């Protein structure tokens, strides 16, 4: 088993496409500058030792070194000791609504952001418990299988956005059914926490909650939103708000919390309902109720000792930097005889 001690550092890998963009832009500017100097055949004869392919090679080596150094800093670890251990806790599956209505700002800064912030705090409170994450809109998908890797859970929560599922809707019944399938067949206390505004829900959500209850799985609901509702912001690809969603008649669409339906789902699932507001998101109250459930001692095989592997990645990254340092932008004597990018010409 492989894990990262500091998984949050892997976010630095997102800089790779940024570096590539700047590099391509710099090459484009260099090309324009060369064109302004005059005839390219004459310029190439005046600068016979120029090796543009080496510039590309140096950039590739730098990026590879960057990748290995980032992975090294995150410290990959391999499990070295597998043991049977006993733990007490509960199994949780959080089903989070990521439909566009969750961008409404009646709960600040918006419903989805507030729900994610509450999830971070919930994960910090887990001790010996397992957590899984499901996201849903028009469809439901498993974002994170049930695990005790809380660092991974936080990382997955941080990346959730309304763009993860293109089909719009609120597939609550599908999310609950997927949550049921996520649990192992053990005697652990199990619960599903449904976080949604409940608007435009699809399927038989009450029936799914009742099916969960019959299997000993409690279903708790948290209503994200206020009864008066709020407009749905329109966000462009740059993350900027461009207006509000409107219907075919040009009227601004108001999304309202479907509180009655969420209360009915909680009742059918033998759980409780809490409405979020601008002072608290409701997860604390729900977790207190879940934490009071009977906890069974379960024996499971887990890695209890891990060996650090960061030294190999850091070492290889530094080696790549060393190699890059001794690659020059100009052709060497032997490389100058190679004409990979020139067509063979024959004298008439």
Foldseek 3Di string as FASTA:
>chain_A
DKDFQQVVLLVVLVCVVVLVVVVVVVVVVVVVVCVVVDDPVVVCVVALFFFVVLVVVLSVLLSLLVNLLSSLVSWMKDFDDKDKDKFWEAEEEEEEEAALLQQFPQAPPGNLVQVLVVVLVVLVPDDRYWYWYWYDFPAIDTQGQTDNPSSVVNVSSVPDHSVPDPDGAAAQLRNLQVLLVRDDPDPHQAEYEYEELPPRYDDDLLVSLLVCLVVRYAYEYEHRFAQVFGFRFDADPVRDTDGTDADPVRHTDTDGRPQVVNQSSNVSNVHYYHYQHNPHRPPVVRVVVSRPDDIDIDIDIDRPDIDTDSVVSNVVSVVSVVVSVPRDSTHDPVRSVDDPPDDDDDDD
